[in-house]
């Protein structure tokens, strides 16, 4: 404000333009974030439901099944596939081991 040629009003107008530009940028960031959140929500809604039961198979295609798991078991390996309740009961009855963590045999009422 040392320059007498620059008025206080001119400085305030300059500040206003800077703030409008900053506000426009902030609004773009908000729009981008709302768009990302909407996409994430669509992805969550489109995700298929978790299976109720899983059958973990052996290392190769010919190996027998290793474990029966509940669908949300954290111990289920990458070689697990979804099975129905009846298939889980049948696998346990046929001697496939129940996972010791999620205990599907208890949930299926198949304890000895």
PDB file of N, CA and C in Angstrom:
ATOM      1  N   UNK A   1       0.822  -1.177   0.000  1.00  0.00           N
ATOM      2  CA  UNK A   1       0.000   0.000   0.000  1.00  0.00           C
ATOM      3  C   UNK A   1       0.876   1.254   0.000  1.00  0.00           C
ATOM      4  N   UNK A   2       2.137   1.066  -0.248  1.00  0.00           N
ATOM      5  CA  UNK A   2       3.041   2.213  -0.300  1.00  0.00           C
ATOM      6  C   UNK A   2       2.863   3.033  -1.559  1.00  0.00           C
ATOM      7  N   UNK A   3       2.351   2.394  -2.628  1.00  0.00           N
ATOM      8  CA  UNK A   3       2.167   3.103  -3.905  1.00  0.00           C
ATOM      9  C   UNK A   3       0.834   3.841  -3.866  1.00  0.00           C
ATOM     10  N   UNK A   4       0.848   5.159  -3.895  1.00  0.00           N
ATOM     11  CA  UNK A   4      -0.406   5.916  -3.827  1.00  0.00           C
ATOM     12  C   UNK A   4      -1.270   5.714  -5.063  1.00  0.00           C
ATOM     13  N   UNK A   5      -0.697   5.218  -6.166  1.00  0.00           N
ATOM     14  CA  UNK A   5      -1.477   5.014  -7.385  1.00  0.00           C
ATOM     15  C   UNK A   5      -2.417   3.813  -7.254  1.00  0.00           C
ATOM     16  N   UNK A   6      -2.103   2.878  -6.363  1.00  0.00           N
ATOM     17  CA  UNK A   6      -2.941   1.692  -6.163  1.00  0.00           C
ATOM     18  C   UNK A   6      -3.907   1.991  -5.020  1.00  0.00           C
ATOM     19  N   UNK A   7      -5.173   1.983  -5.340  1.00  0.00           N
ATOM     20  CA  UNK A   7      -6.158   2.313  -4.308  1.00  0.00           C
ATOM     21  C   UNK A   7      -6.505   1.065  -3.490  1.00  0.00           C
ATOM     22  N   UNK A   8      -7.021   1.315  -2.356  1.00  0.00           N
ATOM     23  CA  UNK A   8      -7.475   0.218  -1.486  1.00  0.00           C
ATOM     24  C   UNK A   8      -8.561  -0.583  -2.183  1.00  0.00           C
ATOM     25  N   UNK A   9      -9.437   0.069  -2.909  1.00  0.00           N
ATOM     26  CA  UNK A   9     -10.508  -0.609  -3.639  1.00  0.00           C
ATOM     27  C   UNK A   9      -9.928  -1.533  -4.715  1.00  0.00           C
ATOM     28  N   UNK A  10      -8.903  -1.094  -5.424  1.00  0.00           N
ATOM     29  CA  UNK A  10      -8.271  -1.938  -6.449  1.00  0.00           C
ATOM     30  C   UNK A  10      -7.663  -3.189  -5.822  1.00  0.00           C
ATOM     31  N   UNK A  11      -7.041  -3.012  -4.655  1.00  0.00           N
ATOM     32  CA  UNK A  11      -6.467  -4.168  -3.960  1.00  0.00           C
ATOM     33  C   UNK A  11      -7.560  -5.142  -3.518  1.00  0.00           C
ATOM     34  N   UNK A  12      -8.648  -4.614  -3.032  1.00  0.00           N
ATOM     35  CA  UNK A  12      -9.753  -5.484  -2.619  1.00  0.00           C
ATOM     36  C   UNK A  12     -10.367  -6.212  -3.808  1.00  0.00           C
ATOM     37  N   UNK A  13     -10.475  -5.552  -4.957  1.00  0.00           N
ATOM     38  CA  UNK A  13     -10.989  -6.212  -6.173  1.00  0.00           C
ATOM     39  C   UNK A  13     -10.045  -7.334  -6.610  1.00  0.00           C
ATOM     40  N   UNK A  14      -8.734  -7.075  -6.504  1.00  0.00           N
ATOM     41  CA  UNK A  14      -7.751  -8.096  -6.841  1.00  0.00           C
ATOM     42  C   UNK A  14      -7.906  -9.303  -5.904  1.00  0.00           C
ATOM     43  N   UNK A  15      -8.037  -9.045  -4.621  1.00  0.00           N
ATOM     44  CA  UNK A  15      -8.232 -10.110  -3.640  1.00  0.00           C
ATOM     45  C   UNK A  15      -9.497 -10.906  -3.948  1.00  0.00           C
ATOM     46  N   UNK A  16     -10.544 -10.213  -4.321  1.00  0.00           N
ATOM     47  CA  UNK A  16     -11.803 -10.872  -4.666  1.00  0.00           C
ATOM     48  C   UNK A  16     -11.614 -11.832  -5.838  1.00  0.00           C
ATOM     49  N   UNK A  17     -10.891 -11.420  -6.889  1.00  0.00           N
ATOM     50  CA  UNK A  17     -10.641 -12.281  -8.049  1.00  0.00           C
ATOM     51  C   UNK A  17      -9.838 -13.524  -7.657  1.00  0.00           C
ATOM     52  N   UNK A  18      -8.847 -13.328  -6.808  1.00  0.00           N
ATOM     53  CA  UNK A  18      -8.031 -14.460  -6.345  1.00  0.00           C
ATOM     54  C   UNK A  18      -8.900 -15.442  -5.556  1.00  0.00           C
ATOM     55  N   UNK A  19      -9.727 -14.926  -4.676  1.00  0.00           N
ATOM     56  CA  UNK A  19     -10.572 -15.795  -3.866  1.00  0.00           C
ATOM     57  C   UNK A  19     -11.626 -16.501  -4.716  1.00  0.00           C
ATOM     58  N   UNK A  20     -12.174 -15.817  -5.722  1.00  0.00           N
ATOM     59  CA  UNK A  20     -13.136 -16.466  -6.617  1.00  0.00           C
ATOM     60  C   UNK A  20     -12.470 -17.618  -7.376  1.00  0.00           C
ATOM     61  N   UNK A  21     -11.232 -17.408  -7.816  1.00  0.00           N
ATOM     62  CA  UNK A  21     -10.507 -18.458  -8.510  1.00  0.00           C
ATOM     63  C   UNK A  21     -10.242 -19.630  -7.563  1.00  0.00           C
ATOM     64  N   UNK A  22      -9.859 -19.329  -6.327  1.00  0.00           N
ATOM     65  CA  UNK A  22      -9.627 -20.380  -5.341  1.00  0.00           C
ATOM     66  C   UNK A  22     -10.925 -21.133  -5.034  1.00  0.00           C
ATOM     67  N   UNK A  23     -12.017 -20.407  -4.909  1.00  0.00           N
ATOM     68  CA  UNK A  23     -13.305 -21.039  -4.647  1.00  0.00           C
ATOM     69  C   UNK A  23     -13.716 -21.935  -5.811  1.00  0.00           C
ATOM     70  N   UNK A  24     -13.508 -21.481  -7.044  1.00  0.00           N
ATOM     71  CA  UNK A  24     -13.834 -22.300  -8.218  1.00  0.00           C
ATOM     72  C   UNK A  24     -13.001 -23.581  -8.216  1.00  0.00           C
ATOM     73  N   UNK A  25     -11.727 -23.474  -7.880  1.00  0.00           N
ATOM     74  CA  UNK A  25     -10.867 -24.657  -7.818  1.00  0.00           C
ATOM     75  C   UNK A  25     -11.346 -25.612  -6.730  1.00  0.00           C
ATOM     76  N   UNK A  26     -11.686 -25.085  -5.569  1.00  0.00           N
ATOM     77  CA  UNK A  26     -12.184 -25.916  -4.480  1.00  0.00           C
ATOM     78  C   UNK A  26     -13.476 -26.625  -4.885  1.00  0.00           C
ATOM     79  N   UNK A  27     -14.348 -25.925  -5.593  1.00  0.00           N
ATOM     80  CA  UNK A  27     -15.598 -26.542  -6.051  1.00  0.00           C
ATOM     81  C   UNK A  27     -15.328 -27.650  -7.070  1.00  0.00           C
ATOM     82  N   UNK A  28     -14.318 -27.479  -7.923  1.00  0.00           N
ATOM     83  CA  UNK A  28     -13.940 -28.546  -8.856  1.00  0.00           C
ATOM     84  C   UNK A  28     -13.439 -29.764  -8.085  1.00  0.00           C
ATOM     85  N   UNK A  29     -12.638 -29.520  -7.052  1.00  0.00           N
ATOM     86  CA  UNK A  29     -12.152 -30.627  -6.227  1.00  0.00           C
ATOM     87  C   UNK A  29     -13.315 -31.360  -5.559  1.00  0.00           C
ATOM     88  N   UNK A  30     -14.284 -30.601  -5.071  1.00  0.00           N
ATOM     89  CA  UNK A  30     -15.470 -31.213  -4.445  1.00  0.00           C
ATOM     90  C   UNK A  30     -16.235 -32.034  -5.476  1.00  0.00           C
ATOM     91  N   UNK A  31     -16.450 -31.496  -6.671  1.00  0.00           N
ATOM     92  CA  UNK A  31     -17.146 -32.237  -7.730  1.00  0.00           C
ATOM     93  C   UNK A  31     -16.412 -33.522  -8.071  1.00  0.00           C
ATOM     94  N   UNK A  32     -15.089 -33.442  -8.197  1.00  0.00           N
ATOM     95  CA  UNK A  32     -14.291 -34.637  -8.495  1.00  0.00           C
ATOM     96  C   UNK A  32     -14.431 -35.681  -7.400  1.00  0.00           C
ATOM     97  N   UNK A  33     -14.374 -35.238  -6.160  1.00  0.00           N
ATOM     98  CA  UNK A  33     -14.485 -36.171  -5.037  1.00  0.00           C
ATOM     99  C   UNK A  33     -15.880 -36.784  -4.969  1.00  0.00           C
ATOM    100  N   UNK A  34     -16.924 -35.992  -5.221  1.00  0.00           N
ATOM    101  CA  UNK A  34     -18.291 -36.534  -5.245  1.00  0.00           C
ATOM    102  C   UNK A  34     -18.438 -37.559  -6.360  1.00  0.00           C
ATOM    103  N   UNK A  35     -17.823 -37.304  -7.508  1.00  0.00           N
ATOM    104  CA  UNK A  35     -17.867 -38.247  -8.621  1.00  0.00           C
ATOM    105  C   UNK A  35     -17.171 -39.557  -8.248  1.00  0.00           C
ATOM    106  N   UNK A  36     -15.988 -39.463  -7.626  1.00  0.00           N
ATOM    107  CA  UNK A  36     -15.265 -40.666  -7.201  1.00  0.00           C
ATOM    108  C   UNK A  36     -16.070 -41.461  -6.176  1.00  0.00           C
ATOM    109  N   UNK A  37     -16.680 -40.763  -5.233  1.00  0.00           N
ATOM    110  CA  UNK A  37     -17.476 -41.445  -4.208  1.00  0.00           C
ATOM    111  C   UNK A  37     -18.693 -42.129  -4.833  1.00  0.00           C
ATOM    112  N   UNK A  38     -19.338 -41.488  -5.782  1.00  0.00           N
ATOM    113  CA  UNK A  38     -20.484 -42.098  -6.470  1.00  0.00           C
ATOM    114  C   UNK A  38     -20.048 -43.351  -7.222  1.00  0.00           C
ATOM    115  N   UNK A  39     -18.887 -43.291  -7.874  1.00  0.00           N
ATOM    116  CA  UNK A  39     -18.372 -44.468  -8.581  1.00  0.00           C
ATOM    117  C   UNK A  39     -18.066 -45.591  -7.596  1.00  0.00           C
ATOM    118  N   UNK A  40     -17.491 -45.248  -6.444  1.00  0.00           N
ATOM    119  CA  UNK A  40     -17.190 -46.258  -5.439  1.00  0.00           C
ATOM    120  C   UNK A  40     -18.472 -46.910  -4.923  1.00  0.00           C
ATOM    121  N   UNK A  41     -19.496 -46.092  -4.690  1.00  0.00           N
ATOM    122  CA  UNK A  41     -20.778 -46.622  -4.220  1.00  0.00           C
ATOM    123  C   UNK A  41     -21.408 -47.549  -5.262  1.00  0.00           C
ATOM    124  N   UNK A  42     -21.330 -47.161  -6.550  1.00  0.00           N
ATOM    125  CA  UNK A  42     -21.858 -48.033  -7.606  1.00  0.00           C
ATOM    126  C   UNK A  42     -21.111 -49.361  -7.618  1.00  0.00           C
ATOM    127  N   UNK A  43     -19.799 -49.311  -7.413  1.00  0.00           N
ATOM    128  CA  UNK A  43     -18.999 -50.536  -7.365  1.00  0.00           C
ATOM    129  C   UNK A  43     -19.392 -51.422  -6.198  1.00  0.00           C
ATOM    130  N   UNK A  44     -19.626 -50.817  -5.045  1.00  0.00           N
ATOM    131  CA  UNK A  44     -20.035 -51.585  -3.872  1.00  0.00           C
ATOM    132  C   UNK A  44     -21.395 -52.236  -4.111  1.00  0.00           C
ATOM    133  N   UNK A  45     -22.324 -51.490  -4.704  1.00  0.00           N
ATOM    134  CA  UNK A  45     -23.665 -52.022  -4.952  1.00  0.00           C
ATOM    135  C   UNK A  45     -23.662 -53.100  -6.025  1.00  0.00           C
ATOM    136  N   UNK A  46     -22.737 -53.001  -6.989  1.00  0.00           N
ATOM    137  CA  UNK A  46     -22.685 -53.974  -8.080  1.00  0.00           C
ATOM    138  C   UNK A  46     -21.922 -55.236  -7.696  1.00  0.00           C
ATOM    139  N   UNK A  47     -21.205 -55.191  -6.575  1.00  0.00           N
ATOM    140  CA  UNK A  47     -20.433 -56.350  -6.150  1.00  0.00           C
ATOM    141  C   UNK A  47     -21.379 -57.508  -5.838  1.00  0.00           C
ATOM    142  N   UNK A  48     -21.066 -58.696  -6.342  1.00  0.00           N
ATOM    143  CA  UNK A  48     -21.929 -59.833  -6.021  1.00  0.00           C
ATOM    144  C   UNK A  48     -21.852 -60.154  -4.530  1.00  0.00           C
ATOM    145  N   UNK A  49     -22.900 -60.738  -3.986  1.00  0.00           N
ATOM    146  CA  UNK A  49     -22.872 -61.055  -2.554  1.00  0.00           C
ATOM    147  C   UNK A  49     -21.809 -62.119  -2.267  1.00  0.00           C
ATOM    148  N   UNK A  50     -21.255 -62.066  -1.077  1.00  0.00           N
ATOM    149  CA  UNK A  50     -20.262 -63.063  -0.674  1.00  0.00           C
ATOM    150  C   UNK A  50     -20.942 -64.427  -0.599  1.00  0.00           C
ATOM    151  N   UNK A  51     -20.234 -65.466  -0.996  1.00  0.00           N
ATOM    152  CA  UNK A  51     -20.836 -66.795  -0.909  1.00  0.00           C
ATOM    153  C   UNK A  51     -21.038 -67.195   0.553  1.00  0.00           C
ATOM    154  N   UNK A  52     -22.007 -68.054   0.776  1.00  0.00           N
ATOM    155  CA  UNK A  52     -22.276 -68.492   2.146  1.00  0.00           C
ATOM    156  C   UNK A  52     -21.244 -69.528   2.599  1.00  0.00           C
ATOM    157  N   UNK A  53     -20.790 -70.359   1.647  1.00  0.00           N
ATOM    158  CA  UNK A  53     -19.843 -71.434   1.955  1.00  0.00           C
ATOM    159  C   UNK A  53     -18.783 -71.516   0.867  1.00  0.00           C
ATOM    160  N   UNK A  54     -17.594 -71.969   1.238  1.00  0.00           N
ATOM    161  CA  UNK A  54     -16.487 -72.101   0.295  1.00  0.00           C
ATOM    162  C   UNK A  54     -15.872 -73.488   0.420  1.00  0.00           C
ATOM    163  N   UNK A  55     -15.389 -73.999  -0.707  1.00  0.00           N
ATOM    164  CA  UNK A  55     -14.649 -75.247  -0.737  1.00  0.00           C
ATOM    165  C   UNK A  55     -13.249 -74.918  -1.234  1.00  0.00           C
ATOM    166  N   UNK A  56     -12.253 -75.155  -0.399  1.00  0.00           N
ATOM    167  CA  UNK A  56     -10.864 -74.898  -0.784  1.00  0.00           C
ATOM    168  C   UNK A  56     -10.305 -76.166  -1.391  1.00  0.00           C
ATOM    169  N   UNK A  57      -9.859 -76.066  -2.626  1.00  0.00           N
ATOM    170  CA  UNK A  57      -9.348 -77.235  -3.348  1.00  0.00           C
ATOM    171  C   UNK A  57      -7.832 -77.313  -3.213  1.00  0.00           C
ATOM    172  N   UNK A  58      -7.278 -78.463  -3.606  1.00  0.00           N
ATOM    173  CA  UNK A  58      -5.838 -78.690  -3.501  1.00  0.00           C
ATOM    174  C   UNK A  58      -5.046 -77.885  -4.520  1.00  0.00           C
ATOM    175  N   UNK A  59      -3.737 -78.143  -4.548  1.00  0.00           N
ATOM    176  CA  UNK A  59      -2.828 -77.374  -5.393  1.00  0.00           C
ATOM    177  C   UNK A  59      -3.031 -77.587  -6.885  1.00  0.00           C
ATOM    178  N   UNK A  60      -3.465 -78.755  -7.286  1.00  0.00           N
ATOM    179  CA  UNK A  60      -3.719 -78.962  -8.716  1.00  0.00           C
ATOM    180  C   UNK A  60      -5.174 -79.349  -8.925  1.00  0.00           C
ATOM    181  N   UNK A  61      -5.580 -79.423 -10.135  1.00  0.00           N
ATOM    182  CA  UNK A  61      -6.981 -79.701 -10.439  1.00  0.00           C
ATOM    183  C   UNK A  61      -7.444 -81.090 -10.061  1.00  0.00           C
ATOM    184  N   UNK A  62      -6.498 -81.993  -9.821  1.00  0.00           N
ATOM    185  CA  UNK A  62      -6.861 -83.384  -9.517  1.00  0.00           C
ATOM    186  C   UNK A  62      -6.790 -83.707  -8.028  1.00  0.00           C
ATOM    187  N   UNK A  63      -6.285 -82.793  -7.233  1.00  0.00           N
ATOM    188  CA  UNK A  63      -6.178 -83.026  -5.793  1.00  0.00           C
ATOM    189  C   UNK A  63      -7.561 -82.915  -5.145  1.00  0.00           C
ATOM    190  N   UNK A  64      -7.794 -83.682  -4.110  1.00  0.00           N
ATOM    191  CA  UNK A  64      -9.095 -83.595  -3.433  1.00  0.00           C
ATOM    192  C   UNK A  64      -9.235 -82.269  -2.688  1.00  0.00           C
ATOM    193  N   UNK A  65     -10.461 -81.893  -2.342  1.00  0.00           N
ATOM    194  CA  UNK A  65     -10.675 -80.662  -1.577  1.00  0.00           C
ATOM    195  C   UNK A  65      -9.946 -80.723  -0.239  1.00  0.00           C
ATOM    196  N   UNK A  66      -9.543 -79.566   0.242  1.00  0.00           N
ATOM    197  CA  UNK A  66      -8.755 -79.485   1.470  1.00  0.00           C
ATOM    198  C   UNK A  66      -9.630 -79.090   2.664  1.00  0.00           C
ATOM    199  N   UNK A  67     -10.406 -78.031   2.517  1.00  0.00           N
ATOM    200  CA  UNK A  67     -11.217 -77.517   3.628  1.00  0.00           C
ATOM    201  C   UNK A  67     -12.558 -77.003   3.131  1.00  0.00           C
ATOM    202  N   UNK A  68     -13.527 -77.028   4.046  1.00  0.00           N
ATOM    203  CA  UNK A  68     -14.789 -76.311   3.866  1.00  0.00           C
ATOM    204  C   UNK A  68     -14.698 -75.092   4.778  1.00  0.00           C
ATOM    205  N   UNK A  69     -15.067 -73.931   4.248  1.00  0.00           N
ATOM    206  CA  UNK A  69     -15.018 -72.676   5.009  1.00  0.00           C
ATOM    207  C   UNK A  69     -16.391 -71.997   4.972  1.00  0.00           C
ATOM    208  N   UNK A  70     -16.652 -71.184   5.975  1.00  0.00           N
ATOM    209  CA  UNK A  70     -17.776 -70.245   5.890  1.00  0.00           C
ATOM    210  C   UNK A  70     -17.387 -69.192   4.858  1.00  0.00           C
ATOM    211  N   UNK A  71     -18.357 -68.588   4.209  1.00  0.00           N
ATOM    212  CA  UNK A  71     -18.091 -67.653   3.122  1.00  0.00           C
ATOM    213  C   UNK A  71     -17.256 -66.449   3.497  1.00  0.00           C
ATOM    214  N   UNK A  72     -17.297 -66.038   4.754  1.00  0.00           N
ATOM    215  CA  UNK A  72     -16.540 -64.856   5.175  1.00  0.00           C
ATOM    216  C   UNK A  72     -15.258 -65.204   5.932  1.00  0.00           C
ATOM    217  N   UNK A  73     -14.803 -66.443   5.829  1.00  0.00           N
ATOM    218  CA  UNK A  73     -13.620 -66.878   6.570  1.00  0.00           C
ATOM    219  C   UNK A  73     -12.356 -66.219   6.030  1.00  0.00           C
ATOM    220  N   UNK A  74     -11.565 -65.670   6.928  1.00  0.00           N
ATOM    221  CA  UNK A  74     -10.324 -65.008   6.537  1.00  0.00           C
ATOM    222  C   UNK A  74      -9.230 -66.014   6.194  1.00  0.00           C
ATOM    223  N   UNK A  75      -9.422 -67.275   6.539  1.00  0.00           N
ATOM    224  CA  UNK A  75      -8.412 -68.303   6.260  1.00  0.00           C
ATOM    225  C   UNK A  75      -8.610 -68.967   4.894  1.00  0.00           C
ATOM    226  N   UNK A  76      -9.726 -68.693   4.236  1.00  0.00           N
ATOM    227  CA  UNK A  76      -9.989 -69.315   2.934  1.00  0.00           C
ATOM    228  C   UNK A  76      -8.912 -68.877   1.947  1.00  0.00           C
ATOM    229  N   UNK A  77      -8.331 -69.831   1.262  1.00  0.00           N
ATOM    230  CA  UNK A  77      -7.264 -69.535   0.312  1.00  0.00           C
ATOM    231  C   UNK A  77      -7.794 -69.075  -1.034  1.00  0.00           C
ATOM    232  N   UNK A  78      -6.870 -68.745  -1.913  1.00  0.00           N
ATOM    233  CA  UNK A  78      -7.245 -68.264  -3.245  1.00  0.00           C
ATOM    234  C   UNK A  78      -7.826 -69.377  -4.110  1.00  0.00           C
ATOM    235  N   UNK A  79      -7.618 -70.605  -3.711  1.00  0.00           N
ATOM    236  CA  UNK A  79      -8.137 -71.728  -4.494  1.00  0.00           C
ATOM    237  C   UNK A  79      -9.518 -72.160  -3.993  1.00  0.00           C
ATOM    238  N   UNK A  80     -10.240 -71.244  -3.403  1.00  0.00           N
ATOM    239  CA  UNK A  80     -11.575 -71.547  -2.878  1.00  0.00           C
ATOM    240  C   UNK A  80     -12.634 -71.158  -3.894  1.00  0.00           C
ATOM    241  N   UNK A  81     -13.710 -71.937  -3.910  1.00  0.00           N
ATOM    242  CA  UNK A  81     -14.837 -71.614  -4.790  1.00  0.00           C
ATOM    243  C   UNK A  81     -16.129 -71.696  -3.986  1.00  0.00           C
ATOM    244  N   UNK A  82     -17.113 -70.974  -4.433  1.00  0.00           N
ATOM    245  CA  UNK A  82     -18.399 -70.924  -3.740  1.00  0.00           C
ATOM    246  C   UNK A  82     -19.130 -72.250  -3.895  1.00  0.00           C
ATOM    247  N   UNK A  83     -19.762 -72.682  -2.819  1.00  0.00           N
ATOM    248  CA  UNK A  83     -20.616 -73.874  -2.860  1.00  0.00           C
ATOM    249  C   UNK A  83     -21.887 -73.588  -2.068  1.00  0.00           C
ATOM    250  N   UNK A  84     -22.888 -74.415  -2.302  1.00  0.00           N
ATOM    251  CA  UNK A  84     -24.161 -74.251  -1.598  1.00  0.00           C
ATOM    252  C   UNK A  84     -24.078 -74.887  -0.213  1.00  0.00           C
ATOM    253  N   UNK A  85     -25.088 -74.631   0.576  1.00  0.00           N
ATOM    254  CA  UNK A  85     -25.162 -75.218   1.926  1.00  0.00           C
ATOM    255  C   UNK A  85     -25.174 -76.745   1.833  1.00  0.00           C
ATOM    256  N   UNK A  86     -25.958 -77.279   0.913  1.00  0.00           N
ATOM    257  CA  UNK A  86     -26.024 -78.741   0.761  1.00  0.00           C
ATOM    258  C   UNK A  86     -24.679 -79.308   0.324  1.00  0.00           C
ATOM    259  N   UNK A  87     -23.990 -78.608  -0.587  1.00  0.00           N
ATOM    260  CA  UNK A  87     -22.682 -79.082  -1.022  1.00  0.00           C
ATOM    261  C   UNK A  87     -21.675 -79.043   0.130  1.00  0.00           C
ATOM    262  N   UNK A  88     -21.767 -78.040   0.974  1.00  0.00           N
ATOM    263  CA  UNK A  88     -20.874 -77.952   2.136  1.00  0.00           C
ATOM    264  C   UNK A  88     -21.135 -79.104   3.094  1.00  0.00           C
ATOM    265  N   UNK A  89     -22.401 -79.382   3.354  1.00  0.00           N
ATOM    266  CA  UNK A  89     -22.751 -80.502   4.235  1.00  0.00           C
ATOM    267  C   UNK A  89     -22.277 -81.819   3.646  1.00  0.00           C
ATOM    268  N   UNK A  90     -22.461 -81.991   2.342  1.00  0.00           N
ATOM    269  CA  UNK A  90     -22.033 -83.214   1.670  1.00  0.00           C
ATOM    270  C   UNK A  90     -20.515 -83.370   1.736  1.00  0.00           C
ATOM    271  N   UNK A  91     -19.778 -82.285   1.504  1.00  0.00           N
ATOM    272  CA  UNK A  91     -18.319 -82.348   1.545  1.00  0.00           C
ATOM    273  C   UNK A  91     -17.838 -82.727   2.948  1.00  0.00           C
ATOM    274  N   UNK A  92     -18.427 -82.136   3.970  1.00  0.00           N
ATOM    275  CA  UNK A  92     -18.050 -82.483   5.341  1.00  0.00           C
ATOM    276  C   UNK A  92     -18.375 -83.939   5.643  1.00  0.00           C
ATOM    277  N   UNK A  93     -19.529 -84.402   5.187  1.00  0.00           N
ATOM    278  CA  UNK A  93     -19.920 -85.807   5.395  1.00  0.00           C
ATOM    279  C   UNK A  93     -18.982 -86.752   4.652  1.00  0.00           C
ATOM    280  N   UNK A  94     -18.435 -86.292   3.524  1.00  0.00           N
ATOM    281  CA  UNK A  94     -17.519 -87.120   2.732  1.00  0.00           C
ATOM    282  C   UNK A  94     -16.083 -87.069   3.248  1.00  0.00           C
ATOM    283  N   UNK A  95     -15.847 -86.347   4.336  1.00  0.00           N
ATOM    284  CA  UNK A  95     -14.530 -86.348   4.955  1.00  0.00           C
ATOM    285  C   UNK A  95     -13.653 -85.146   4.695  1.00  0.00           C
ATOM    286  N   UNK A  96     -14.159 -84.148   3.992  1.00  0.00           N
ATOM    287  CA  UNK A  96     -13.373 -82.927   3.812  1.00  0.00           C
ATOM    288  C   UNK A  96     -13.318 -82.227   5.165  1.00  0.00           C
ATOM    289  N   UNK A  97     -12.124 -81.762   5.539  1.00  0.00           N
ATOM    290  CA  UNK A  97     -11.953 -81.153   6.849  1.00  0.00           C
ATOM    291  C   UNK A  97     -12.673 -79.804   6.933  1.00  0.00           C
ATOM    292  N   UNK A  98     -13.191 -79.538   8.122  1.00  0.00           N
ATOM    293  CA  UNK A  98     -13.778 -78.223   8.402  1.00  0.00           C
ATOM    294  C   UNK A  98     -12.652 -77.292   8.837  1.00  0.00           C
ATOM    295  N   UNK A  99     -12.711 -76.070   8.395  1.00  0.00           N
ATOM    296  CA  UNK A  99     -11.727 -75.067   8.795  1.00  0.00           C
ATOM    297  C   UNK A  99     -11.780 -74.908  10.310  1.00  0.00           C
ATOM    298  N   UNK A 100     -10.612 -74.896  10.931  1.00  0.00           N
ATOM    299  CA  UNK A 100     -10.551 -74.753  12.384  1.00  0.00           C
ATOM    300  C   UNK A 100     -10.839 -73.342  12.867  1.00  0.00           C
ATOM    301  N   UNK A 101     -10.808 -72.353  11.970  1.00  0.00           N
ATOM    302  CA  UNK A 101     -11.046 -70.973  12.372  1.00  0.00           C
ATOM    303  C   UNK A 101     -12.529 -70.609  12.327  1.00  0.00           C
ATOM    304  N   UNK A 102     -13.158 -70.876  11.182  1.00  0.00           N
ATOM    305  CA  UNK A 102     -14.568 -70.468  11.030  1.00  0.00           C
ATOM    306  C   UNK A 102     -15.542 -71.573  11.442  1.00  0.00           C
ATOM    307  N   UNK A 103     -15.070 -72.780  11.587  1.00  0.00           N
ATOM    308  CA  UNK A 103     -15.844 -73.935  12.061  1.00  0.00           C
ATOM    309  C   UNK A 103     -17.198 -74.085  11.360  1.00  0.00           C
ATOM    310  N   UNK A 104     -17.169 -74.366  10.057  1.00  0.00           N
ATOM    311  CA  UNK A 104     -18.431 -74.515   9.333  1.00  0.00           C
ATOM    312  C   UNK A 104     -19.240 -75.722   9.785  1.00  0.00           C
ATOM    313  N   UNK A 105     -18.584 -76.730  10.331  1.00  0.00           N
ATOM    314  CA  UNK A 105     -19.319 -77.900  10.819  1.00  0.00           C
ATOM    315  C   UNK A 105     -20.248 -77.515  11.967  1.00  0.00           C
ATOM    316  N   UNK A 106     -19.833 -76.589  12.801  1.00  0.00           N
ATOM    317  CA  UNK A 106     -20.691 -76.104  13.884  1.00  0.00           C
ATOM    318  C   UNK A 106     -21.864 -75.315  13.327  1.00  0.00           C
ATOM    319  N   UNK A 107     -21.575 -74.431  12.385  1.00  0.00           N
ATOM    320  CA  UNK A 107     -22.634 -73.618  11.794  1.00  0.00           C
ATOM    321  C   UNK A 107     -23.636 -74.468  11.023  1.00  0.00           C
ATOM    322  N   UNK A 108     -23.166 -75.582  10.457  1.00  0.00           N
ATOM    323  CA  UNK A 108     -24.056 -76.459   9.693  1.00  0.00           C
ATOM    324  C   UNK A 108     -24.707 -77.524  10.575  1.00  0.00           C
ATOM    325  N   UNK A 109     -24.380 -77.537  11.861  1.00  0.00           N
ATOM    326  CA  UNK A 109     -24.980 -78.498  12.793  1.00  0.00           C
ATOM    327  C   UNK A 109     -24.507 -79.913  12.543  1.00  0.00           C
ATOM    328  N   UNK A 110     -23.252 -80.064  12.171  1.00  0.00           N
ATOM    329  CA  UNK A 110     -22.751 -81.394  11.824  1.00  0.00           C
ATOM    330  C   UNK A 110     -21.685 -81.893  12.796  1.00  0.00           C
ATOM    331  N   UNK A 111     -21.740 -81.479  14.039  1.00  0.00           N
ATOM    332  CA  UNK A 111     -20.786 -81.979  15.030  1.00  0.00           C
ATOM    333  C   UNK A 111     -21.151 -83.392  15.441  1.00  0.00           C
ATOM    334  N   UNK A 112     -20.126 -84.177  15.762  1.00  0.00           N
ATOM    335  CA  UNK A 112     -20.376 -85.565  16.214  1.00  0.00           C
ATOM    336  C   UNK A 112     -20.856 -85.590  17.625  1.00  0.00           C
TER     337      UNK A 112
END
